[in-house]
């Protein structure tokens, strides 16, 4: 849902915006967009992935949920993915930050995961895809419990190469060589 506004919001205005609620917002082309409440299934999928990445040996301080990421669309915007895996360098930069926000001058995350919510498909499959590619994020996973698939987008020379996995297919990741995870396991919720 877009919050009604008479003028476009700047990035600086977004950083200072506080409506007195706990609502999370993304900034898309100057428009403030409230993030829908997560379904229990989406929350469970994100938590499953956090637990899995911990078992894979990724330190807890490199995993984050609901971290804001500055992106370029028509103007600087902000996205709030379900899960982010920091590089060691980014984790060091983020240490002690008063707001979990990855600015444009910071290293990009290694992985961003979006769990698709109903009526959000275009944003996850189209808009965020180009914004995350422009940001240089090595992998972007779109976990889609509605279509029962996981799309892995690998950043190659400024664009994403796409691989789609379904059912018992093992997900292949260029940044996690020892990944042994199927779509069915991810979507079990």
N, C-alpha and C. Protein backbone atom coordinates (compact mmCIF):
# COMPACT_ATOMS: atom_id res chain seq x y z
N UNK A 1 0.84 -1.17 0.00
CA UNK A 1 0.00 0.00 0.00
C UNK A 1 0.89 1.24 0.00
N UNK A 2 0.57 2.18 -0.88
CA UNK A 2 1.32 3.43 -0.94
C UNK A 2 0.66 4.43 -0.01
N UNK A 3 1.47 5.14 0.74
CA UNK A 3 0.96 6.18 1.63
C UNK A 3 0.74 7.44 0.80
N UNK A 4 -0.45 8.02 0.91
CA UNK A 4 -0.77 9.21 0.13
C UNK A 4 0.16 10.36 0.51
N UNK A 5 0.69 11.01 -0.51
CA UNK A 5 1.56 12.15 -0.27
C UNK A 5 1.35 13.15 -1.39
N UNK A 6 1.49 14.42 -1.08
CA UNK A 6 1.30 15.45 -2.08
C UNK A 6 2.56 15.65 -2.91
N UNK A 7 3.73 15.35 -2.36
CA UNK A 7 4.97 15.48 -3.11
C UNK A 7 5.82 14.24 -2.89
N UNK A 8 6.77 14.05 -3.78
CA UNK A 8 7.67 12.91 -3.66
C UNK A 8 8.58 13.12 -2.45
N UNK A 9 8.86 12.02 -1.77
CA UNK A 9 9.72 12.05 -0.59
C UNK A 9 11.17 11.86 -1.03
N UNK A 10 12.07 12.63 -0.48
CA UNK A 10 13.49 12.45 -0.77
C UNK A 10 14.05 11.34 0.12
N UNK A 11 15.23 10.88 -0.23
CA UNK A 11 15.90 9.87 0.58
C UNK A 11 16.15 10.39 1.99
N UNK A 12 16.58 11.63 2.11
CA UNK A 12 16.84 12.23 3.42
C UNK A 12 15.56 12.32 4.24
N UNK A 13 14.45 12.68 3.60
CA UNK A 13 13.17 12.74 4.30
C UNK A 13 12.76 11.34 4.77
N UNK A 14 13.02 10.34 3.94
CA UNK A 14 12.71 8.96 4.32
C UNK A 14 13.51 8.56 5.56
N UNK A 15 14.79 8.90 5.57
CA UNK A 15 15.65 8.53 6.71
C UNK A 15 15.15 9.14 8.01
N UNK A 16 14.51 10.30 7.93
CA UNK A 16 14.01 10.98 9.12
C UNK A 16 12.53 10.74 9.38
N UNK A 17 11.86 9.97 8.53
CA UNK A 17 10.42 9.76 8.65
C UNK A 17 10.09 8.86 9.84
N UNK A 18 9.13 9.28 10.63
CA UNK A 18 8.64 8.49 11.76
C UNK A 18 7.16 8.82 11.94
N UNK A 19 6.32 7.82 11.69
CA UNK A 19 4.88 8.08 11.84
C UNK A 19 4.37 7.61 13.20
N UNK A 20 5.30 7.22 14.09
CA UNK A 20 4.90 6.81 15.43
C UNK A 20 4.41 5.38 15.53
N UNK A 21 4.52 4.61 14.43
CA UNK A 21 4.10 3.22 14.44
C UNK A 21 5.32 2.32 14.23
N UNK A 22 5.11 1.02 14.28
CA UNK A 22 6.17 0.06 14.00
C UNK A 22 6.15 -0.40 12.54
N UNK A 23 5.40 0.28 11.69
CA UNK A 23 5.26 -0.10 10.29
C UNK A 23 6.59 0.05 9.57
N UNK A 24 6.96 -0.96 8.78
CA UNK A 24 8.15 -0.89 7.93
C UNK A 24 7.74 -0.30 6.59
N UNK A 25 8.59 0.53 6.02
CA UNK A 25 8.31 1.15 4.74
C UNK A 25 9.47 0.93 3.78
N UNK A 26 9.14 0.84 2.50
CA UNK A 26 10.13 0.94 1.44
C UNK A 26 9.91 2.28 0.76
N UNK A 27 10.96 2.79 0.15
CA UNK A 27 10.87 4.03 -0.61
C UNK A 27 11.07 3.67 -2.06
N UNK A 28 10.05 3.89 -2.88
CA UNK A 28 10.10 3.52 -4.29
C UNK A 28 9.77 4.75 -5.12
N UNK A 29 10.78 5.25 -5.82
CA UNK A 29 10.60 6.43 -6.68
C UNK A 29 9.92 7.58 -5.96
N UNK A 30 10.35 7.81 -4.73
CA UNK A 30 9.83 8.93 -3.95
C UNK A 30 8.53 8.65 -3.23
N UNK A 31 7.99 7.46 -3.39
CA UNK A 31 6.73 7.10 -2.73
C UNK A 31 7.00 6.18 -1.55
N UNK A 32 6.35 6.47 -0.44
CA UNK A 32 6.47 5.67 0.76
C UNK A 32 5.49 4.50 0.65
N UNK A 33 6.00 3.28 0.73
CA UNK A 33 5.17 2.09 0.58
C UNK A 33 5.24 1.28 1.86
N UNK A 34 4.10 1.11 2.52
CA UNK A 34 4.08 0.32 3.76
C UNK A 34 4.18 -1.15 3.40
N UNK A 35 4.98 -1.85 4.17
CA UNK A 35 5.18 -3.27 3.94
C UNK A 35 4.05 -4.04 4.62
N UNK A 36 3.45 -4.98 3.88
CA UNK A 36 2.36 -5.75 4.49
C UNK A 36 2.90 -6.62 5.62
N UNK A 37 2.03 -6.95 6.55
CA UNK A 37 2.43 -7.87 7.62
C UNK A 37 2.75 -9.22 7.00
N UNK A 38 3.75 -9.88 7.52
CA UNK A 38 4.16 -11.18 6.99
C UNK A 38 3.17 -12.26 7.39
N UNK A 39 2.94 -13.18 6.45
CA UNK A 39 2.15 -14.35 6.79
C UNK A 39 3.01 -15.27 7.65
N UNK A 40 2.39 -16.17 8.34
CA UNK A 40 3.14 -17.13 9.17
C UNK A 40 4.03 -17.99 8.28
N UNK A 41 3.53 -18.38 7.11
CA UNK A 41 4.33 -19.20 6.19
C UNK A 41 5.59 -18.44 5.76
N UNK A 42 5.45 -17.18 5.36
CA UNK A 42 6.61 -16.40 4.92
C UNK A 42 7.62 -16.23 6.05
N UNK A 43 7.13 -15.99 7.26
CA UNK A 43 8.02 -15.84 8.40
C UNK A 43 8.77 -17.14 8.67
N UNK A 44 8.07 -18.26 8.58
CA UNK A 44 8.71 -19.57 8.81
C UNK A 44 9.76 -19.88 7.75
N UNK A 45 9.47 -19.54 6.51
CA UNK A 45 10.45 -19.76 5.43
C UNK A 45 11.72 -18.96 5.71
N UNK A 46 11.56 -17.69 6.06
CA UNK A 46 12.72 -16.84 6.35
C UNK A 46 13.50 -17.38 7.54
N UNK A 47 12.81 -17.80 8.60
CA UNK A 47 13.49 -18.35 9.78
C UNK A 47 14.19 -19.67 9.46
N UNK A 48 13.56 -20.50 8.63
CA UNK A 48 14.19 -21.75 8.21
C UNK A 48 15.52 -21.45 7.51
N UNK A 49 15.51 -20.47 6.62
CA UNK A 49 16.74 -20.13 5.90
C UNK A 49 17.81 -19.57 6.83
N UNK A 50 17.42 -18.77 7.81
CA UNK A 50 18.39 -18.29 8.80
C UNK A 50 19.02 -19.48 9.52
N UNK A 51 18.19 -20.41 9.99
CA UNK A 51 18.71 -21.59 10.70
C UNK A 51 19.60 -22.42 9.79
N UNK A 52 19.21 -22.57 8.53
CA UNK A 52 20.00 -23.36 7.59
C UNK A 52 21.37 -22.71 7.36
N UNK A 53 21.38 -21.40 7.13
CA UNK A 53 22.65 -20.71 6.89
C UNK A 53 23.56 -20.77 8.11
N UNK A 54 22.97 -20.73 9.30
CA UNK A 54 23.78 -20.90 10.52
C UNK A 54 24.42 -22.29 10.53
N UNK A 55 23.64 -23.31 10.19
CA UNK A 55 24.18 -24.68 10.13
C UNK A 55 25.24 -24.82 9.05
N UNK A 56 25.13 -24.02 8.00
CA UNK A 56 26.10 -24.04 6.90
C UNK A 56 27.43 -23.41 7.32
N UNK A 57 27.41 -22.74 8.48
CA UNK A 57 28.64 -22.14 9.01
C UNK A 57 28.74 -20.64 8.83
N UNK A 58 27.67 -20.01 8.38
CA UNK A 58 27.70 -18.55 8.25
C UNK A 58 27.49 -17.97 9.64
N UNK A 59 28.40 -17.12 10.11
CA UNK A 59 28.27 -16.56 11.46
C UNK A 59 27.00 -15.72 11.60
N UNK A 60 26.41 -15.75 12.78
CA UNK A 60 25.16 -15.05 13.05
C UNK A 60 25.22 -13.57 12.70
N UNK A 61 26.37 -12.93 12.90
CA UNK A 61 26.48 -11.49 12.67
C UNK A 61 26.46 -11.13 11.18
N UNK A 62 26.52 -12.14 10.30
CA UNK A 62 26.43 -11.88 8.86
C UNK A 62 25.03 -12.14 8.32
N UNK A 63 24.10 -12.54 9.19
CA UNK A 63 22.71 -12.80 8.79
C UNK A 63 21.82 -11.73 9.39
N UNK A 64 20.92 -11.21 8.58
CA UNK A 64 20.04 -10.16 9.08
C UNK A 64 18.68 -10.26 8.41
N UNK A 65 17.66 -10.00 9.20
CA UNK A 65 16.30 -9.96 8.68
C UNK A 65 15.82 -8.51 8.71
N UNK A 66 15.16 -8.12 7.64
CA UNK A 66 14.54 -6.79 7.54
C UNK A 66 15.55 -5.64 7.58
N UNK A 67 16.74 -5.86 7.07
CA UNK A 67 17.72 -4.78 6.91
C UNK A 67 17.33 -3.96 5.69
N UNK A 68 17.40 -2.65 5.82
CA UNK A 68 17.08 -1.77 4.70
C UNK A 68 18.29 -1.69 3.77
N UNK A 69 18.02 -1.65 2.46
CA UNK A 69 19.09 -1.54 1.47
C UNK A 69 18.77 -0.37 0.54
N UNK A 70 19.70 0.57 0.45
CA UNK A 70 19.56 1.67 -0.50
C UNK A 70 19.78 1.13 -1.90
N UNK A 71 18.89 1.50 -2.82
CA UNK A 71 18.98 1.07 -4.22
C UNK A 71 18.71 2.27 -5.12
N UNK A 72 19.13 2.15 -6.35
CA UNK A 72 18.80 3.16 -7.35
C UNK A 72 17.66 2.65 -8.20
N UNK A 73 16.59 3.41 -8.25
CA UNK A 73 15.56 3.17 -9.23
C UNK A 73 15.57 4.44 -10.06
N UNK A 74 14.49 5.17 -10.16
CA UNK A 74 14.56 6.46 -10.84
C UNK A 74 15.27 7.48 -9.95
N UNK A 75 15.22 7.23 -8.65
CA UNK A 75 15.98 8.02 -7.67
C UNK A 75 16.33 7.04 -6.56
N UNK A 76 17.14 7.48 -5.62
CA UNK A 76 17.54 6.56 -4.55
C UNK A 76 16.31 6.11 -3.79
N UNK A 77 16.20 4.81 -3.59
CA UNK A 77 15.09 4.24 -2.85
C UNK A 77 15.61 3.30 -1.79
N UNK A 78 14.70 2.66 -1.09
CA UNK A 78 15.07 1.72 -0.03
C UNK A 78 14.18 0.49 -0.15
N UNK A 79 14.80 -0.67 -0.09
CA UNK A 79 14.09 -1.95 -0.07
C UNK A 79 14.34 -2.62 1.27
N UNK A 80 13.40 -3.48 1.67
CA UNK A 80 13.52 -4.20 2.94
C UNK A 80 13.29 -5.69 2.67
N UNK A 81 14.34 -6.40 2.26
CA UNK A 81 14.19 -7.84 1.99
C UNK A 81 13.96 -8.64 3.26
N UNK A 82 13.48 -9.86 3.07
CA UNK A 82 13.20 -10.73 4.21
C UNK A 82 14.48 -11.21 4.89
N UNK A 83 15.53 -11.45 4.11
CA UNK A 83 16.78 -11.97 4.66
C UNK A 83 17.94 -11.40 3.85
N UNK A 84 19.01 -11.06 4.55
CA UNK A 84 20.22 -10.56 3.91
C UNK A 84 21.41 -11.31 4.50
N UNK A 85 22.33 -11.73 3.62
CA UNK A 85 23.59 -12.32 4.06
C UNK A 85 24.69 -11.31 3.73
N UNK A 86 25.34 -10.81 4.77
CA UNK A 86 26.42 -9.83 4.61
C UNK A 86 27.71 -10.54 4.23
N UNK A 87 28.55 -9.84 3.50
CA UNK A 87 29.94 -10.27 3.34
C UNK A 87 30.65 -9.94 4.66
N UNK A 88 31.83 -10.47 4.85
CA UNK A 88 32.60 -10.16 6.06
C UNK A 88 32.89 -8.65 6.11
N UNK A 89 33.22 -8.08 4.94
CA UNK A 89 33.51 -6.64 4.86
C UNK A 89 32.28 -5.80 5.24
N UNK A 90 31.12 -6.17 4.72
CA UNK A 90 29.90 -5.43 5.05
C UNK A 90 29.55 -5.58 6.53
N UNK A 91 29.73 -6.78 7.07
CA UNK A 91 29.45 -6.99 8.50
C UNK A 91 30.31 -6.07 9.36
N UNK A 92 31.56 -5.87 8.96
CA UNK A 92 32.46 -4.98 9.70
C UNK A 92 31.96 -3.54 9.60
N UNK A 93 31.54 -3.12 8.41
CA UNK A 93 31.04 -1.76 8.21
C UNK A 93 29.76 -1.54 9.02
N UNK A 94 28.91 -2.55 9.10
CA UNK A 94 27.61 -2.43 9.79
C UNK A 94 27.73 -2.49 11.31
N UNK A 95 28.85 -3.00 11.80
CA UNK A 95 29.04 -3.14 13.24
C UNK A 95 28.86 -1.79 13.93
N UNK A 96 28.00 -1.75 14.90
CA UNK A 96 27.76 -0.53 15.67
C UNK A 96 26.82 0.47 15.00
N UNK A 97 26.27 0.13 13.84
CA UNK A 97 25.34 1.05 13.17
C UNK A 97 24.11 1.28 14.03
N UNK A 98 23.59 2.50 14.06
CA UNK A 98 22.40 2.78 14.86
C UNK A 98 21.12 2.44 14.11
N UNK A 99 21.24 2.19 12.80
CA UNK A 99 20.10 1.78 11.98
C UNK A 99 20.60 0.71 11.02
N UNK A 100 19.83 -0.36 10.87
CA UNK A 100 20.24 -1.45 9.98
C UNK A 100 19.90 -1.06 8.54
N UNK A 101 20.76 -0.21 7.97
CA UNK A 101 20.57 0.35 6.64
C UNK A 101 21.88 0.29 5.88
N UNK A 102 21.87 -0.38 4.73
CA UNK A 102 23.05 -0.48 3.88
C UNK A 102 22.97 0.66 2.87
N UNK A 103 23.87 1.62 3.03
CA UNK A 103 23.88 2.80 2.16
C UNK A 103 24.60 2.49 0.85
N UNK A 104 24.43 3.38 -0.13
CA UNK A 104 25.00 3.18 -1.46
C UNK A 104 26.52 3.11 -1.46
N UNK A 105 27.18 3.77 -0.52
CA UNK A 105 28.64 3.75 -0.50
C UNK A 105 29.22 2.58 0.28
N UNK A 106 28.35 1.68 0.75
CA UNK A 106 28.80 0.49 1.48
C UNK A 106 28.89 -0.70 0.52
N UNK A 107 29.67 -1.71 0.88
CA UNK A 107 29.73 -2.91 0.03
C UNK A 107 28.33 -3.55 -0.05
N UNK A 108 28.01 -4.17 -1.18
CA UNK A 108 26.71 -4.83 -1.29
C UNK A 108 26.69 -6.13 -0.48
N UNK A 109 25.49 -6.58 -0.10
CA UNK A 109 25.39 -7.89 0.54
C UNK A 109 25.76 -9.00 -0.46
N UNK A 110 26.07 -10.19 0.07
CA UNK A 110 26.32 -11.34 -0.80
C UNK A 110 25.01 -11.89 -1.36
N UNK A 111 23.98 -11.92 -0.51
CA UNK A 111 22.71 -12.53 -0.88
C UNK A 111 21.57 -11.73 -0.29
N UNK A 112 20.52 -11.58 -1.09
CA UNK A 112 19.27 -11.00 -0.62
C UNK A 112 18.18 -12.01 -0.95
N UNK A 113 17.29 -12.28 0.02
CA UNK A 113 16.18 -13.20 -0.18
C UNK A 113 14.86 -12.46 0.03
N UNK A 114 14.00 -12.57 -0.95
CA UNK A 114 12.63 -12.06 -0.84
C UNK A 114 11.69 -13.25 -0.87
N UNK A 115 10.80 -13.32 0.11
CA UNK A 115 9.74 -14.34 0.12
C UNK A 115 8.49 -13.64 -0.40
N UNK A 116 7.98 -14.10 -1.52
CA UNK A 116 6.88 -13.44 -2.22
C UNK A 116 5.61 -13.50 -1.39
N UNK A 117 4.98 -12.34 -1.25
CA UNK A 117 3.67 -12.24 -0.60
C UNK A 117 2.63 -12.04 -1.69
N UNK A 118 1.36 -12.42 -1.43
CA UNK A 118 0.31 -12.20 -2.43
C UNK A 118 0.27 -10.73 -2.85
N UNK A 119 0.07 -10.51 -4.13
CA UNK A 119 -0.03 -9.19 -4.74
C UNK A 119 1.28 -8.40 -4.73
N UNK A 120 2.40 -9.06 -4.45
CA UNK A 120 3.71 -8.40 -4.45
C UNK A 120 4.63 -8.96 -5.54
N UNK A 121 4.09 -9.83 -6.39
CA UNK A 121 4.92 -10.54 -7.36
C UNK A 121 5.70 -9.60 -8.27
N UNK A 122 5.05 -8.59 -8.83
CA UNK A 122 5.74 -7.67 -9.74
C UNK A 122 6.91 -6.98 -9.06
N UNK A 123 6.73 -6.57 -7.84
CA UNK A 123 7.81 -5.88 -7.13
C UNK A 123 9.00 -6.80 -6.92
N UNK A 124 8.74 -8.06 -6.55
CA UNK A 124 9.83 -9.00 -6.27
C UNK A 124 10.51 -9.49 -7.55
N UNK A 125 9.71 -9.80 -8.58
CA UNK A 125 10.26 -10.37 -9.81
C UNK A 125 10.81 -9.31 -10.78
N UNK A 126 10.27 -8.12 -10.78
CA UNK A 126 10.68 -7.13 -11.79
C UNK A 126 11.50 -5.99 -11.19
N UNK A 127 10.88 -5.20 -10.33
CA UNK A 127 11.52 -3.98 -9.86
C UNK A 127 12.74 -4.26 -9.02
N UNK A 128 12.58 -5.13 -8.04
CA UNK A 128 13.71 -5.41 -7.14
C UNK A 128 14.84 -6.11 -7.90
N UNK A 129 14.49 -6.91 -8.88
CA UNK A 129 15.50 -7.61 -9.67
C UNK A 129 16.48 -6.61 -10.30
N UNK A 130 15.95 -5.60 -10.95
CA UNK A 130 16.84 -4.63 -11.61
C UNK A 130 17.57 -3.76 -10.58
N UNK A 131 16.89 -3.42 -9.50
CA UNK A 131 17.53 -2.59 -8.46
C UNK A 131 18.67 -3.35 -7.77
N UNK A 132 18.45 -4.62 -7.44
CA UNK A 132 19.50 -5.40 -6.77
C UNK A 132 20.67 -5.68 -7.73
N UNK A 133 20.37 -5.88 -9.02
CA UNK A 133 21.45 -6.08 -10.00
C UNK A 133 22.29 -4.82 -10.11
N UNK A 134 21.64 -3.66 -10.18
CA UNK A 134 22.37 -2.40 -10.27
C UNK A 134 23.22 -2.16 -9.03
N UNK A 135 22.80 -2.72 -7.91
CA UNK A 135 23.52 -2.58 -6.63
C UNK A 135 24.70 -3.54 -6.55
N UNK A 136 24.76 -4.52 -7.48
CA UNK A 136 25.87 -5.47 -7.51
C UNK A 136 25.76 -6.58 -6.49
N UNK A 137 24.54 -6.93 -6.09
CA UNK A 137 24.33 -8.01 -5.12
C UNK A 137 24.54 -9.35 -5.84
N UNK A 138 25.49 -10.15 -5.32
CA UNK A 138 25.94 -11.37 -6.00
C UNK A 138 24.82 -12.35 -6.30
N UNK A 139 23.91 -12.55 -5.35
CA UNK A 139 22.76 -13.44 -5.58
C UNK A 139 21.51 -12.84 -4.98
N UNK A 140 20.42 -13.04 -5.69
CA UNK A 140 19.10 -12.63 -5.24
C UNK A 140 18.19 -13.83 -5.41
N UNK A 141 17.65 -14.31 -4.29
CA UNK A 141 16.73 -15.44 -4.32
C UNK A 141 15.30 -14.93 -4.16
N UNK A 142 14.43 -15.40 -5.03
CA UNK A 142 13.00 -15.12 -4.91
C UNK A 142 12.34 -16.44 -4.52
N UNK A 143 11.93 -16.52 -3.27
CA UNK A 143 11.27 -17.73 -2.76
C UNK A 143 9.77 -17.48 -2.90
N UNK A 144 9.13 -18.30 -3.72
CA UNK A 144 7.74 -18.06 -4.07
C UNK A 144 6.85 -19.21 -3.61
N UNK A 145 6.27 -19.10 -2.40
CA UNK A 145 5.39 -20.16 -1.93
C UNK A 145 4.08 -20.24 -2.72
N UNK A 146 3.72 -19.18 -3.41
CA UNK A 146 2.50 -19.17 -4.21
C UNK A 146 2.68 -20.04 -5.45
N UNK A 147 3.79 -19.83 -6.17
CA UNK A 147 4.08 -20.61 -7.39
C UNK A 147 4.91 -21.86 -7.10
N UNK A 148 5.26 -22.07 -5.83
CA UNK A 148 6.02 -23.25 -5.41
C UNK A 148 7.36 -23.38 -6.16
N UNK A 149 8.13 -22.29 -6.14
CA UNK A 149 9.44 -22.32 -6.80
C UNK A 149 10.40 -21.36 -6.11
N UNK A 150 11.68 -21.58 -6.38
CA UNK A 150 12.73 -20.68 -5.93
C UNK A 150 13.50 -20.25 -7.18
N UNK A 151 13.61 -18.95 -7.37
CA UNK A 151 14.37 -18.40 -8.49
C UNK A 151 15.67 -17.85 -7.92
N UNK A 152 16.78 -18.35 -8.45
CA UNK A 152 18.10 -17.88 -8.04
C UNK A 152 18.65 -17.01 -9.16
N UNK A 153 18.92 -15.76 -8.82
CA UNK A 153 19.48 -14.82 -9.78
C UNK A 153 20.93 -14.57 -9.41
N UNK A 154 21.83 -14.89 -10.32
CA UNK A 154 23.27 -14.74 -10.09
C UNK A 154 23.78 -13.54 -10.89
N UNK A 155 24.47 -12.62 -10.20
CA UNK A 155 24.96 -11.40 -10.82
C UNK A 155 26.17 -11.71 -11.68
N UNK A 156 26.03 -11.47 -12.99
CA UNK A 156 27.11 -11.71 -13.94
C UNK A 156 27.23 -10.49 -14.84
N UNK A 157 28.36 -9.80 -14.75
CA UNK A 157 28.64 -8.64 -15.60
C UNK A 157 27.52 -7.60 -15.58
N UNK A 158 26.99 -7.33 -14.39
CA UNK A 158 26.00 -6.26 -14.24
C UNK A 158 24.55 -6.67 -14.40
N UNK A 159 24.30 -7.92 -14.77
CA UNK A 159 22.93 -8.40 -14.95
C UNK A 159 22.77 -9.74 -14.24
N UNK A 160 21.52 -10.13 -14.03
CA UNK A 160 21.27 -11.42 -13.38
C UNK A 160 21.00 -12.52 -14.40
N UNK A 161 21.71 -13.65 -14.22
CA UNK A 161 21.37 -14.89 -14.91
C UNK A 161 20.39 -15.62 -14.00
N UNK A 162 19.35 -16.18 -14.58
CA UNK A 162 18.25 -16.77 -13.80
C UNK A 162 18.22 -18.29 -13.92
N UNK A 163 18.02 -18.94 -12.75
CA UNK A 163 17.76 -20.37 -12.70
C UNK A 163 16.55 -20.58 -11.80
N UNK A 164 15.60 -21.38 -12.27
CA UNK A 164 14.36 -21.63 -11.52
C UNK A 164 14.36 -23.08 -11.06
N UNK A 165 14.03 -23.27 -9.77
CA UNK A 165 14.02 -24.61 -9.17
C UNK A 165 12.63 -24.88 -8.60
N UNK A 166 12.19 -26.15 -8.71
CA UNK A 166 10.89 -26.55 -8.16
C UNK A 166 10.99 -27.94 -7.54
N UNK A 167 10.04 -28.25 -6.67
CA UNK A 167 9.90 -29.59 -6.09
C UNK A 167 11.13 -30.06 -5.35
N UNK A 168 11.62 -31.24 -5.74
CA UNK A 168 12.78 -31.84 -5.09
C UNK A 168 14.11 -31.40 -5.70
N UNK A 169 14.06 -30.41 -6.59
CA UNK A 169 15.29 -29.91 -7.21
C UNK A 169 16.20 -29.30 -6.15
N UNK A 170 17.49 -29.63 -6.27
CA UNK A 170 18.49 -29.03 -5.38
C UNK A 170 18.81 -27.62 -5.88
N UNK A 171 18.81 -26.67 -4.97
CA UNK A 171 19.13 -25.29 -5.30
C UNK A 171 20.65 -25.17 -5.45
N UNK A 172 21.10 -24.55 -6.53
CA UNK A 172 22.52 -24.36 -6.77
C UNK A 172 22.85 -22.88 -6.57
N UNK A 173 23.92 -22.65 -5.80
CA UNK A 173 24.35 -21.29 -5.50
C UNK A 173 25.82 -21.13 -5.84
N UNK A 174 26.16 -20.05 -6.51
CA UNK A 174 27.56 -19.81 -6.84
C UNK A 174 28.35 -19.32 -5.64
N UNK A 175 27.68 -18.80 -4.60
CA UNK A 175 28.41 -18.29 -3.44
C UNK A 175 28.43 -19.27 -2.26
N UNK A 176 27.56 -20.27 -2.31
CA UNK A 176 27.53 -21.30 -1.25
C UNK A 176 27.73 -22.66 -1.90
N UNK A 177 28.97 -23.03 -2.12
CA UNK A 177 29.30 -24.27 -2.84
C UNK A 177 28.79 -25.51 -2.12
N UNK A 178 28.71 -25.48 -0.79
CA UNK A 178 28.29 -26.65 -0.03
C UNK A 178 26.79 -26.65 0.28
N UNK A 179 26.01 -25.85 -0.44
CA UNK A 179 24.57 -25.80 -0.26
C UNK A 179 23.95 -27.15 -0.65
N UNK A 180 23.16 -27.71 0.26
CA UNK A 180 22.43 -28.96 -0.01
C UNK A 180 21.02 -28.77 0.45
N UNK A 181 20.24 -28.10 -0.39
CA UNK A 181 18.91 -27.66 -0.01
C UNK A 181 17.98 -27.80 -1.21
N UNK A 182 16.80 -28.36 -0.97
CA UNK A 182 15.84 -28.48 -2.06
C UNK A 182 14.74 -27.43 -1.89
N UNK A 183 14.03 -27.19 -2.97
CA UNK A 183 12.91 -26.25 -2.93
C UNK A 183 11.86 -26.73 -1.93
N UNK A 184 11.57 -28.02 -1.95
CA UNK A 184 10.57 -28.58 -1.04
C UNK A 184 10.95 -28.31 0.42
N UNK A 185 12.22 -28.43 0.76
CA UNK A 185 12.66 -28.13 2.13
C UNK A 185 12.44 -26.67 2.48
N UNK A 186 12.75 -25.78 1.56
CA UNK A 186 12.59 -24.34 1.80
C UNK A 186 11.12 -23.99 2.00
N UNK A 187 10.26 -24.57 1.16
CA UNK A 187 8.84 -24.20 1.17
C UNK A 187 8.01 -24.93 2.21
N UNK A 188 8.61 -25.84 2.96
CA UNK A 188 7.85 -26.64 3.92
C UNK A 188 7.16 -25.79 4.99
N UNK A 189 7.77 -24.63 5.32
CA UNK A 189 7.17 -23.71 6.29
C UNK A 189 6.85 -24.41 7.55
